[in-house]
C-alpha atoms as a PDB file:
ATOM      1  CA  MET A   1     -40.897  32.624  21.354  1.00  0.00           C
ATOM      2  CA  GLU A   2     -38.467  30.983  23.681  1.00  0.00           C
ATOM      3  CA  LEU A   3     -34.772  30.542  23.403  1.00  0.00           C
ATOM      4  CA  ARG A   4     -35.141  26.812  23.875  1.00  0.00           C
ATOM      5  CA  GLN A   5     -37.583  26.603  20.940  1.00  0.00           C
ATOM      6  CA  ILE A   6     -35.039  28.398  18.681  1.00  0.00           C
ATOM      7  CA  GLN A   7     -32.167  26.239  19.797  1.00  0.00           C
ATOM      8  CA  TYR A   8     -34.105  23.020  19.092  1.00  0.00           C
ATOM      9  CA  PHE A   9     -35.288  24.374  15.724  1.00  0.00           C
ATOM     10  CA  ILE A  10     -31.681  25.156  14.588  1.00  0.00           C
ATOM     11  CA  GLU A  11     -30.446  21.573  15.568  1.00  0.00           C
ATOM     12  CA  VAL A  12     -33.427  20.081  13.967  1.00  0.00           C
ATOM     13  CA  ALA A  13     -32.859  22.211  10.735  1.00  0.00           C
ATOM     14  CA  LYS A  14     -28.903  21.013  10.724  1.00  0.00           C
ATOM     15  CA  ARG A  15     -29.550  17.421  11.101  1.00  0.00           C
ATOM     16  CA  GLU A  16     -32.952  17.173   9.187  1.00  0.00           C
ATOM     17  CA  HIS A  17     -33.738  14.409  11.639  1.00  0.00           C
ATOM     18  CA  MET A  18     -35.905  14.733  14.895  1.00  0.00           C
ATOM     19  CA  THR A  19     -34.269  11.751  16.593  1.00  0.00           C
ATOM     20  CA  GLU A  20     -30.518  12.832  15.865  1.00  0.00           C
ATOM     21  CA  ALA A  21     -31.411  16.339  16.884  1.00  0.00           C
ATOM     22  CA  ALA A  22     -32.725  15.016  20.373  1.00  0.00           C
ATOM     23  CA  LEU A  23     -29.792  12.653  20.829  1.00  0.00           C
ATOM     24  CA  HIS A  24     -27.347  15.594  20.269  1.00  0.00           C
ATOM     25  CA  LEU A  25     -29.535  17.752  22.642  1.00  0.00           C
ATOM     26  CA  HIS A  26     -29.746  15.054  25.261  1.00  0.00           C
ATOM     27  CA  VAL A  27     -33.471  15.340  25.441  1.00  0.00           C
ATOM     28  CA  ALA A  28     -36.305  13.088  24.641  1.00  0.00           C
ATOM     29  CA  GLN A  29     -37.611  13.193  20.962  1.00  0.00           C
ATOM     30  CA  SER A  30     -41.043  13.939  22.179  1.00  0.00           C
ATOM     31  CA  ALA A  31     -39.663  17.161  23.786  1.00  0.00           C
ATOM     32  CA  VAL A  32     -38.062  18.336  20.497  1.00  0.00           C
ATOM     33  CA  SER A  33     -41.188  17.595  18.589  1.00  0.00           C
ATOM     34  CA  ARG A  34     -43.364  19.426  20.802  1.00  0.00           C
ATOM     35  CA  GLN A  35     -41.239  22.518  20.903  1.00  0.00           C
ATOM     36  CA  ILE A  36     -41.173  22.656  17.226  1.00  0.00           C
ATOM     37  CA  TYR A  37     -44.986  22.206  16.950  1.00  0.00           C
ATOM     38  CA  ASN A  38     -45.364  25.126  19.488  1.00  0.00           C
ATOM     39  CA  LEU A  39     -42.982  27.163  17.551  1.00  0.00           C
ATOM     40  CA  GLU A  40     -44.868  26.522  14.242  1.00  0.00           C
ATOM     41  CA  GLN A  41     -48.227  27.134  15.957  1.00  0.00           C
ATOM     42  CA  GLU A  42     -46.920  30.505  17.281  1.00  0.00           C
ATOM     43  CA  LEU A  43     -45.738  31.648  14.014  1.00  0.00           C
ATOM     44  CA  GLY A  44     -48.505  30.319  11.901  1.00  0.00           C
ATOM     45  CA  VAL A  45     -46.407  28.618   9.423  1.00  0.00           C
ATOM     46  CA  ASN A  46     -44.952  25.159   8.798  1.00  0.00           C
ATOM     47  CA  LEU A  47     -41.257  25.431   8.972  1.00  0.00           C
ATOM     48  CA  PHE A  48     -40.482  21.661   8.152  1.00  0.00           C
ATOM     49  CA  ILE A  49     -41.881  19.194   5.518  1.00  0.00           C
ATOM     50  CA  ARG A  50     -42.278  15.812   7.356  1.00  0.00           C
ATOM     51  CA  GLU A  51     -41.006  12.783   5.610  1.00  0.00           C
ATOM     52  CA  GLY A  52     -41.370   9.913   8.122  1.00  0.00           C
ATOM     53  CA  ARG A  53     -38.661  10.543  10.586  1.00  0.00           C
ATOM     54  CA  ASN A  54     -36.788  12.816   8.475  1.00  0.00           C
ATOM     55  CA  VAL A  55     -37.613  16.526   8.119  1.00  0.00           C
ATOM     56  CA  LYS A  56     -36.822  19.150   5.405  1.00  0.00           C
ATOM     57  CA  LEU A  57     -37.089  23.011   5.676  1.00  0.00           C
ATOM     58  CA  THR A  58     -39.802  24.488   3.841  1.00  0.00           C
ATOM     59  CA  PRO A  59     -38.813  27.947   1.973  1.00  0.00           C
ATOM     60  CA  ILE A  60     -40.046  29.846   4.941  1.00  0.00           C
ATOM     61  CA  GLY A  61     -38.248  27.542   7.265  1.00  0.00           C
ATOM     62  CA  ARG A  62     -34.900  28.357   5.473  1.00  0.00           C
ATOM     63  CA  MET A  63     -35.667  32.023   5.749  1.00  0.00           C
ATOM     64  CA  PHE A  64     -36.298  31.714   9.422  1.00  0.00           C
ATOM     65  CA  LEU A  65     -33.189  29.507   9.912  1.00  0.00           C
ATOM     66  CA  ALA A  66     -31.031  32.374   8.528  1.00  0.00           C
ATOM     67  CA  HIS A  67     -32.412  34.988  10.806  1.00  0.00           C
ATOM     68  CA  MET A  68     -32.406  32.720  13.997  1.00  0.00           C
ATOM     69  CA  GLU A  69     -28.638  31.629  13.336  1.00  0.00           C
ATOM     70  CA  HIS A  70     -27.902  35.252  13.126  1.00  0.00           C
ATOM     71  CA  ALA A  71     -29.812  35.985  16.326  1.00  0.00           C
ATOM     72  CA  MET A  72     -28.041  33.247  18.084  1.00  0.00           C
ATOM     73  CA  THR A  73     -24.669  34.579  17.141  1.00  0.00           C
ATOM     74  CA  ILE A  74     -25.628  38.172  18.577  1.00  0.00           C
ATOM     75  CA  PHE A  75     -26.960  36.270  21.651  1.00  0.00           C
ATOM     76  CA  ASP A  76     -23.829  34.040  22.288  1.00  0.00           C
ATOM     77  CA  ASN A  77     -21.414  37.062  21.633  1.00  0.00           C
ATOM     78  CA  ALA A  78     -23.292  39.156  24.059  1.00  0.00           C
ATOM     79  CA  GLN A  79     -22.956  36.328  26.608  1.00  0.00           C
ATOM     80  CA  ARG A  80     -19.116  35.887  25.624  1.00  0.00           C
ATOM     81  CA  GLU A  81     -18.493  39.637  25.757  1.00  0.00           C
ATOM     82  CA  ILE A  82     -19.826  39.983  29.355  1.00  0.00           C
ATOM     83  CA  GLU A  83     -17.832  37.179  30.532  1.00  0.00           C
ATOM     84  CA  GLU A  84     -14.636  38.406  28.819  1.00  0.00           C
ATOM     85  CA  HIS A  85     -15.007  41.847  29.980  1.00  0.00           C
ATOM     86  CA  MET A  86     -14.883  40.298  33.408  1.00  0.00           C
ATOM     87  CA  ASP A  87     -11.568  38.497  32.566  1.00  0.00           C
ATOM     88  CA  PRO A  88     -10.345  38.514  28.868  1.00  0.00           C
ATOM     89  CA  GLU A  89      -7.604  35.994  29.784  1.00  0.00           C
ATOM     90  CA  LYS A  90     -10.317  33.189  30.496  1.00  0.00           C
ATOM     91  CA  GLY A  91     -12.217  33.618  27.035  1.00  0.00           C
ATOM     92  CA  THR A  92     -12.544  31.399  24.189  1.00  0.00           C
ATOM     93  CA  ILE A  93     -11.445  32.046  20.522  1.00  0.00           C
ATOM     94  CA  ARG A  94     -12.640  30.190  17.476  1.00  0.00           C
ATOM     95  CA  VAL A  95      -9.850  30.254  14.816  1.00  0.00           C
ATOM     96  CA  GLY A  96      -9.829  28.602  11.385  1.00  0.00           C
ATOM     97  CA  PHE A  97      -6.835  27.750   9.246  1.00  0.00           C
ATOM     98  CA  PRO A  98      -6.077  25.776   6.164  1.00  0.00           C
ATOM     99  CA  SER A  99      -4.029  22.508   5.916  1.00  0.00           C
ATOM    100  CA  SER A 100      -0.922  24.617   4.524  1.00  0.00           C
ATOM    101  CA  LEU A 101      -0.662  26.414   7.722  1.00  0.00           C
ATOM    102  CA  ALA A 102      -1.298  23.370  10.051  1.00  0.00           C
ATOM    103  CA  THR A 103       2.026  22.030  10.601  1.00  0.00           C
ATOM    104  CA  ARG A 104       4.259  25.117  11.619  1.00  0.00           C
ATOM    105  CA  THR A 105       2.554  28.473  11.554  1.00  0.00           C
ATOM    106  CA  MET A 106      -0.626  27.895  13.573  1.00  0.00           C
ATOM    107  CA  PRO A 107       0.774  25.691  16.234  1.00  0.00           C
ATOM    108  CA  ALA A 108       3.744  28.072  16.778  1.00  0.00           C
ATOM    109  CA  ALA A 109       1.405  31.121  17.179  1.00  0.00           C
ATOM    110  CA  ILE A 110      -0.956  29.275  19.657  1.00  0.00           C
ATOM    111  CA  SER A 111       1.800  27.808  21.768  1.00  0.00           C
ATOM    112  CA  ALA A 112       3.453  31.256  22.280  1.00  0.00           C
ATOM    113  CA  PHE A 113       0.201  32.824  22.956  1.00  0.00           C
ATOM    114  CA  ARG A 114      -0.675  30.194  25.548  1.00  0.00           C
ATOM    115  CA  GLU A 115       2.579  30.789  27.377  1.00  0.00           C
ATOM    116  CA  ARG A 116       1.546  34.290  28.030  1.00  0.00           C
ATOM    117  CA  TYR A 117      -2.193  33.565  28.527  1.00  0.00           C
ATOM    118  CA  PRO A 118      -2.619  29.873  29.706  1.00  0.00           C
ATOM    119  CA  ASN A 119      -6.418  30.155  30.494  1.00  0.00           C
ATOM    120  CA  VAL A 120      -7.531  31.298  27.166  1.00  0.00           C
ATOM    121  CA  LYS A 121      -9.238  28.288  25.373  1.00  0.00           C
ATOM    122  CA  PHE A 122      -9.375  27.606  21.542  1.00  0.00           C
ATOM    123  CA  HIS A 123     -11.795  26.118  19.200  1.00  0.00           C
ATOM    124  CA  LEU A 124      -9.762  25.079  16.180  1.00  0.00           C
ATOM    125  CA  LYS A 125     -11.377  24.548  12.637  1.00  0.00           C
ATOM    126  CA  GLN A 126      -9.410  23.440   9.768  1.00  0.00           C
ATOM    127  CA  GLY A 127     -11.048  24.070   6.300  1.00  0.00           C
ATOM    128  CA  ALA A 128     -10.526  25.070   2.706  1.00  0.00           C
ATOM    129  CA  TYR A 129      -9.700  28.666   1.792  1.00  0.00           C
ATOM    130  CA  TYR A 130     -12.986  29.854   0.588  1.00  0.00           C
ATOM    131  CA  TYR A 131     -14.947  28.227   3.346  1.00  0.00           C
ATOM    132  CA  LEU A 132     -12.836  29.830   6.066  1.00  0.00           C
ATOM    133  CA  ILE A 133     -13.487  33.350   4.440  1.00  0.00           C
ATOM    134  CA  ASP A 134     -17.201  32.646   4.485  1.00  0.00           C
ATOM    135  CA  ALA A 135     -17.172  31.122   8.017  1.00  0.00           C
ATOM    136  CA  VAL A 136     -15.392  34.449   9.245  1.00  0.00           C
ATOM    137  CA  ALA A 137     -18.073  36.652   7.482  1.00  0.00           C
ATOM    138  CA  ARG A 138     -20.939  34.606   8.932  1.00  0.00           C
ATOM    139  CA  GLY A 139     -19.532  34.480  12.318  1.00  0.00           C
ATOM    140  CA  GLU A 140     -18.977  30.694  12.539  1.00  0.00           C
ATOM    141  CA  ILE A 141     -15.476  31.548  13.612  1.00  0.00           C
ATOM    142  CA  ASP A 142     -13.825  34.583  15.189  1.00  0.00           C
ATOM    143  CA  MET A 143     -10.959  34.900  12.539  1.00  0.00           C
ATOM    144  CA  ALA A 144      -8.787  32.750  10.333  1.00  0.00           C
ATOM    145  CA  LEU A 145      -4.936  32.592   9.514  1.00  0.00           C
ATOM    146  CA  LEU A 146      -4.802  32.286   5.644  1.00  0.00           C
ATOM    147  CA  GLY A 147      -2.655  32.487   2.592  1.00  0.00           C
ATOM    148  CA  PRO A 148      -3.006  34.353   0.509  1.00  0.00           C
ATOM    149  CA  VAL A 149      -4.704  37.158   2.390  1.00  0.00           C
ATOM    150  CA  PRO A 150      -8.007  38.470   0.549  1.00  0.00           C
ATOM    151  CA  MET A 151      -7.500  42.055   0.701  1.00  0.00           C
ATOM    152  CA  LYS A 152     -10.631  42.992  -1.475  1.00  0.00           C
ATOM    153  CA  ASP A 153     -13.412  41.154  -0.127  1.00  0.00           C
ATOM    154  CA  LYS A 154     -15.831  43.422   1.471  1.00  0.00           C
ATOM    155  CA  ARG A 155     -16.987  40.999   4.357  1.00  0.00           C
ATOM    156  CA  VAL A 156     -13.742  40.621   6.127  1.00  0.00           C
ATOM    157  CA  LYS A 157     -10.527  42.529   6.983  1.00  0.00           C
ATOM    158  CA  GLY A 158      -7.114  41.106   6.184  1.00  0.00           C
ATOM    159  CA  SER A 159      -3.881  41.708   7.668  1.00  0.00           C
ATOM    160  CA  ILE A 160      -0.578  40.483   6.143  1.00  0.00           C
ATOM    161  CA  PHE A 161       2.188  39.066   8.145  1.00  0.00           C
ATOM    162  CA  PHE A 162       4.693  37.959   5.495  1.00  0.00           C
ATOM    163  CA  THR A 163       5.065  36.700   2.112  1.00  0.00           C
ATOM    164  CA  GLU A 164       6.499  33.590   1.254  1.00  0.00           C
ATOM    165  CA  ASN A 165       7.626  31.682  -1.959  1.00  0.00           C
ATOM    166  CA  HIS A 166       6.458  28.566  -3.514  1.00  0.00           C
ATOM    167  CA  VAL A 167       8.833  25.775  -4.367  1.00  0.00           C
ATOM    168  CA  ALA A 168       8.868  22.715  -6.604  1.00  0.00           C
ATOM    169  CA  MET A 169       8.886  19.248  -4.973  1.00  0.00           C
ATOM    170  CA  LEU A 170       9.978  16.435  -6.988  1.00  0.00           C
ATOM    171  CA  PRO A 171      10.512  12.766  -6.650  1.00  0.00           C
ATOM    172  CA  VAL A 172      14.378  12.210  -5.864  1.00  0.00           C
ATOM    173  CA  ASN A 173      14.818  10.069  -8.933  1.00  0.00           C
ATOM    174  CA  HIS A 174      13.379  13.050 -11.326  1.00  0.00           C
ATOM    175  CA  PRO A 175      15.890  14.254 -13.916  1.00  0.00           C
ATOM    176  CA  LEU A 176      16.003  17.561 -12.471  1.00  0.00           C
ATOM    177  CA  ALA A 177      16.385  16.449  -8.828  1.00  0.00           C
ATOM    178  CA  GLY A 178      20.001  17.652  -8.778  1.00  0.00           C
ATOM    179  CA  GLU A 179      19.462  21.198 -10.003  1.00  0.00           C
ATOM    180  CA  LYS A 180      19.860  24.130  -7.685  1.00  0.00           C
ATOM    181  CA  GLU A 181      16.937  26.103  -9.194  1.00  0.00           C
ATOM    182  CA  ILE A 182      14.714  25.537 -12.228  1.00  0.00           C
ATOM    183  CA  SER A 183      12.023  27.279 -14.312  1.00  0.00           C
ATOM    184  CA  LEU A 184       8.596  26.076 -14.032  1.00  0.00           C
ATOM    185  CA  ASN A 185       8.533  25.629 -17.675  1.00  0.00           C
ATOM    186  CA  GLN A 186      11.021  22.936 -17.328  1.00  0.00           C
ATOM    187  CA  LEU A 187       8.270  20.713 -15.604  1.00  0.00           C
ATOM    188  CA  LYS A 188       5.558  21.369 -18.405  1.00  0.00           C
ATOM    189  CA  ASP A 189       5.749  17.801 -19.642  1.00  0.00           C
ATOM    190  CA  ASP A 190       5.567  16.235 -16.165  1.00  0.00           C
ATOM    191  CA  SER A 191       2.447  14.937 -14.164  1.00  0.00           C
ATOM    192  CA  PHE A 192       1.291  17.232 -11.591  1.00  0.00           C
ATOM    193  CA  ILE A 193      -0.235  16.651  -8.357  1.00  0.00           C
ATOM    194  CA  LEU A 194      -2.492  19.340  -7.000  1.00  0.00           C
ATOM    195  CA  PHE A 195      -5.288  20.304  -4.826  1.00  0.00           C
ATOM    196  CA  PRO A 196      -8.885  19.653  -6.332  1.00  0.00           C
ATOM    197  CA  GLU A 197     -10.413  22.549  -8.248  1.00  0.00           C
ATOM    198  CA  GLY A 198     -11.839  25.264  -6.129  1.00  0.00           C
ATOM    199  CA  TYR A 199      -8.726  25.171  -3.808  1.00  0.00           C
ATOM    200  CA  ILE A 200      -6.536  28.343  -3.747  1.00  0.00           C
ATOM    201  CA  LEU A 201      -3.258  26.784  -3.955  1.00  0.00           C
ATOM    202  CA  ARG A 202      -4.334  24.947  -7.002  1.00  0.00           C
ATOM    203  CA  GLU A 203      -5.414  28.316  -8.422  1.00  0.00           C
ATOM    204  CA  ILE A 204      -1.941  29.774  -7.645  1.00  0.00           C
ATOM    205  CA  THR A 205      -0.106  26.895  -9.448  1.00  0.00           C
ATOM    206  CA  MET A 206      -2.505  27.097 -12.589  1.00  0.00           C
ATOM    207  CA  THR A 207      -2.039  30.883 -12.750  1.00  0.00           C
ATOM    208  CA  ALA A 208       1.842  30.425 -12.682  1.00  0.00           C
ATOM    209  CA  CYS A 209       1.717  27.850 -15.369  1.00  0.00           C
ATOM    210  CA  LYS A 210      -0.561  30.247 -17.686  1.00  0.00           C
ATOM    211  CA  GLN A 211       2.189  32.896 -17.245  1.00  0.00           C
ATOM    212  CA  LEU A 212       4.478  30.396 -19.253  1.00  0.00           C
ATOM    213  CA  ASN A 213       1.861  29.557 -21.702  1.00  0.00           C
ATOM    214  CA  PHE A 214       1.137  26.052 -20.710  1.00  0.00           C
ATOM    215  CA  GLU A 215      -1.451  24.090 -18.720  1.00  0.00           C
ATOM    216  CA  PRO A 216      -0.133  21.264 -16.454  1.00  0.00           C
ATOM    217  CA  HIS A 217      -1.099  17.717 -16.770  1.00  0.00           C
ATOM    218  CA  VAL A 218      -2.938  17.010 -13.435  1.00  0.00           C
ATOM    219  CA  ASP A 219      -2.984  13.128 -12.903  1.00  0.00           C
ATOM    220  CA  PHE A 220      -3.411  12.991  -9.131  1.00  0.00           C
ATOM    221  CA  GLU A 221      -5.159  15.287  -6.499  1.00  0.00           C
ATOM    222  CA  GLY A 222      -4.920  15.564  -2.821  1.00  0.00           C
ATOM    223  CA  GLU A 223      -7.172  17.563  -0.327  1.00  0.00           C
ATOM    224  CA  ASP A 224      -4.238  18.314   1.950  1.00  0.00           C
ATOM    225  CA  ILE A 225      -0.606  18.954   2.052  1.00  0.00           C
ATOM    226  CA  ASP A 226       0.545  15.889   3.353  1.00  0.00           C
ATOM    227  CA  ALA A 227      -1.518  13.682   0.931  1.00  0.00           C
ATOM    228  CA  ILE A 228       0.137  15.568  -1.806  1.00  0.00           C
ATOM    229  CA  LYS A 229       3.584  15.132  -0.341  1.00  0.00           C
ATOM    230  CA  GLY A 230       2.933  11.582   0.089  1.00  0.00           C
ATOM    231  CA  LEU A 231       2.079  11.151  -3.760  1.00  0.00           C
ATOM    232  CA  VAL A 232       5.149  12.906  -4.683  1.00  0.00           C
ATOM    233  CA  SER A 233       7.120  10.764  -2.363  1.00  0.00           C
ATOM    234  CA  ALA A 234       5.561   7.676  -4.095  1.00  0.00           C
ATOM    235  CA  GLY A 235       7.109   9.206  -7.577  1.00  0.00           C
ATOM    236  CA  LEU A 236       3.456   9.687  -8.882  1.00  0.00           C
ATOM    237  CA  GLY A 237       4.327  13.267 -10.176  1.00  0.00           C
ATOM    238  CA  VAL A 238       5.567  16.711  -8.911  1.00  0.00           C
ATOM    239  CA  THR A 239       4.001  19.510  -7.232  1.00  0.00           C
ATOM    240  CA  ILE A 240       4.215  23.274  -6.385  1.00  0.00           C
ATOM    241  CA  ILE A 241       3.963  24.006  -2.625  1.00  0.00           C
ATOM    242  CA  PRO A 242       4.357  26.916  -0.076  1.00  0.00           C
ATOM    243  CA  GLU A 243       7.799  26.794   1.384  1.00  0.00           C
ATOM    244  CA  ILE A 244       6.226  27.216   4.842  1.00  0.00           C
ATOM    245  CA  THR A 245       4.584  23.770   4.490  1.00  0.00           C
ATOM    246  CA  ILE A 246       8.129  22.008   4.338  1.00  0.00           C
ATOM    247  CA  ASN A 247       9.214  20.538   7.800  1.00  0.00           C
ATOM    248  CA  GLU A 248      12.627  20.209   8.953  1.00  0.00           C
ATOM    249  CA  THR A 249      12.807  16.891   7.236  1.00  0.00           C
ATOM    250  CA  LEU A 250      11.420  16.229   3.760  1.00  0.00           C
ATOM    251  CA  PRO A 251       9.146  13.267   2.922  1.00  0.00           C
ATOM    252  CA  ARG A 252      11.507  10.234   1.895  1.00  0.00           C
ATOM    253  CA  GLY A 253      12.240  10.154  -1.824  1.00  0.00           C
ATOM    254  CA  THR A 254      11.672  13.850  -2.421  1.00  0.00           C
ATOM    255  CA  VAL A 255      13.700  16.990  -3.157  1.00  0.00           C
ATOM    256  CA  ILE A 256      12.750  20.733  -2.868  1.00  0.00           C
ATOM    257  CA  ILE A 257      14.060  23.036  -5.743  1.00  0.00           C
ATOM    258  CA  PRO A 258      13.428  26.924  -5.762  1.00  0.00           C
ATOM    259  CA  LEU A 259      11.566  28.284  -8.814  1.00  0.00           C
ATOM    260  CA  THR A 260      13.270  30.971 -10.760  1.00  0.00           C
ATOM    261  CA  GLU A 261      10.545  31.641 -13.484  1.00  0.00           C
ATOM    262  CA  PRO A 262       7.934  32.866 -12.811  1.00  0.00           C
ATOM    263  CA  GLU A 263       8.204  33.907  -9.146  1.00  0.00           C
ATOM    264  CA  VAL A 264       5.449  32.232  -7.400  1.00  0.00           C
ATOM    265  CA  THR A 265       4.639  33.753  -3.914  1.00  0.00           C
ATOM    266  CA  ARG A 266       1.757  34.157  -1.569  1.00  0.00           C
ATOM    267  CA  THR A 267       0.830  36.392   1.309  1.00  0.00           C
ATOM    268  CA  VAL A 268       0.144  34.836   4.780  1.00  0.00           C
ATOM    269  CA  GLY A 269      -1.833  36.411   7.499  1.00  0.00           C
ATOM    270  CA  VAL A 270      -5.145  36.810   9.371  1.00  0.00           C
ATOM    271  CA  ILE A 271      -8.618  37.856   8.466  1.00  0.00           C
ATOM    272  CA  ILE A 272     -11.406  39.143  10.810  1.00  0.00           C
ATOM    273  CA  PRO A 273     -14.932  40.201  10.238  1.00  0.00           C
ATOM    274  CA  ARG A 274     -15.306  43.714   8.713  1.00  0.00           C
ATOM    275  CA  GLU A 275     -18.804  44.402  10.197  1.00  0.00           C
ATOM    276  CA  ARG A 276     -18.340  43.143  13.677  1.00  0.00           C
ATOM    277  CA  GLN A 277     -15.862  44.181  16.482  1.00  0.00           C
ATOM    278  CA  LEU A 278     -13.780  41.590  18.123  1.00  0.00           C
ATOM    279  CA  LEU A 279     -14.607  40.606  21.694  1.00  0.00           C
ATOM    280  CA  PRO A 280     -11.899  41.039  24.344  1.00  0.00           C
ATOM    281  CA  THR A 281     -10.248  37.995  24.183  1.00  0.00           C
ATOM    282  CA  GLN A 282     -10.213  37.805  20.379  1.00  0.00           C
ATOM    283  CA  LYS A 283      -8.743  41.115  20.249  1.00  0.00           C
ATOM    284  CA  LEU A 284      -6.098  39.836  22.809  1.00  0.00           C
ATOM    285  CA  PHE A 285      -5.163  37.149  20.258  1.00  0.00           C
ATOM    286  CA  TYR A 286      -5.399  39.255  17.310  1.00  0.00           C
ATOM    287  CA  LEU A 287      -2.978  42.002  18.692  1.00  0.00           C
ATOM    288  CA  PHE A 288      -0.778  39.082  19.861  1.00  0.00           C
ATOM    289  CA  LEU A 289      -0.600  37.836  16.251  1.00  0.00           C
ATOM    290  CA  MET A 290       0.530  41.092  14.968  1.00  0.00           C
ATOM    291  CA  GLU A 291       3.390  41.181  17.592  1.00  0.00           C
ATOM    292  CA  PHE A 292       4.423  37.590  17.067  1.00  0.00           C
ATOM    293  CA  PHE A 293       4.620  37.649  13.148  1.00  0.00           C
ATOM    294  CA  THR A 294       6.468  40.906  13.066  1.00  0.00           C
ATOM    295  CA  ARG A 295       8.950  39.226  15.362  1.00  0.00           C
ATOM    296  CA  TYR A 296       8.661  36.019  13.123  1.00  0.00           C
ATOM    297  CA  ASP A 297       9.104  37.825   9.721  1.00  0.00           C
ATOM    298  CA  ARG A 298      12.264  39.674  11.034  1.00  0.00           C
ATOM    299  CA  PHE A 299      13.805  36.435  12.336  1.00  0.00           C
ATOM    300  CA  SER A 300      13.146  34.554   9.056  1.00  0.00           C
ATOM    301  CA  LYS A 301      14.739  37.250   7.174  1.00  0.00           C
END
């Protein structure tokens, strides 16, 4: 079994199409087909079901894919570790983050780190909360900044940087727009704009509403913070968002009001794999984050 065969196999499995895999690999389709055929002959099993130009993994193929992806992660990490031990300040870090940390938190941390280590490269991956946890556990990314920090997941280790409040965002013409603070209960008859089901920020809002014995009317949904802000700005409803997602200037036509009851908060921090050691450059960034946000938290207070 050759490394090239494994690489070709994984690419075909991802794309379920020989031609598309060949284009991505920058080789002829015949070369990909030949390597897959040789691999199947060597293993003595069919890894794919052919459907014209498309292919689908057989049950054995799916099992083999899981093992090969794990093997390639180990291989890639070994290469990176050798390179980074030679010079940790020239390595690459794969970092995930949700949209709620994309405006301020993530850029601030990376910008400060790059001032100290300008030759380190980053591969950034924005994604939803549960996807990022899985991606760190699988080794798809090295670490992720998250809020709230999952402290009970056995696959990842979480470290908390700070705790922040959630606030209400209302259209400027809302009857409560002039209040200095409000209870969440005062919004129970309003139309809410939230993330879709399965998103952690929606869960936080729904839990807070349940504490006051009501279920919000969700008339609109958005898959990122900016979309939700835009819908509130258009006067289509109200929302509850983390305070850190508010820029120096609010979206036109909106106001932010602190919540007094219940107190809605979330922790913000970083997760790393529990079962894998960080490579030298990853560890450099991880330790930097601890230092950076210790100072950040003290300053914000």
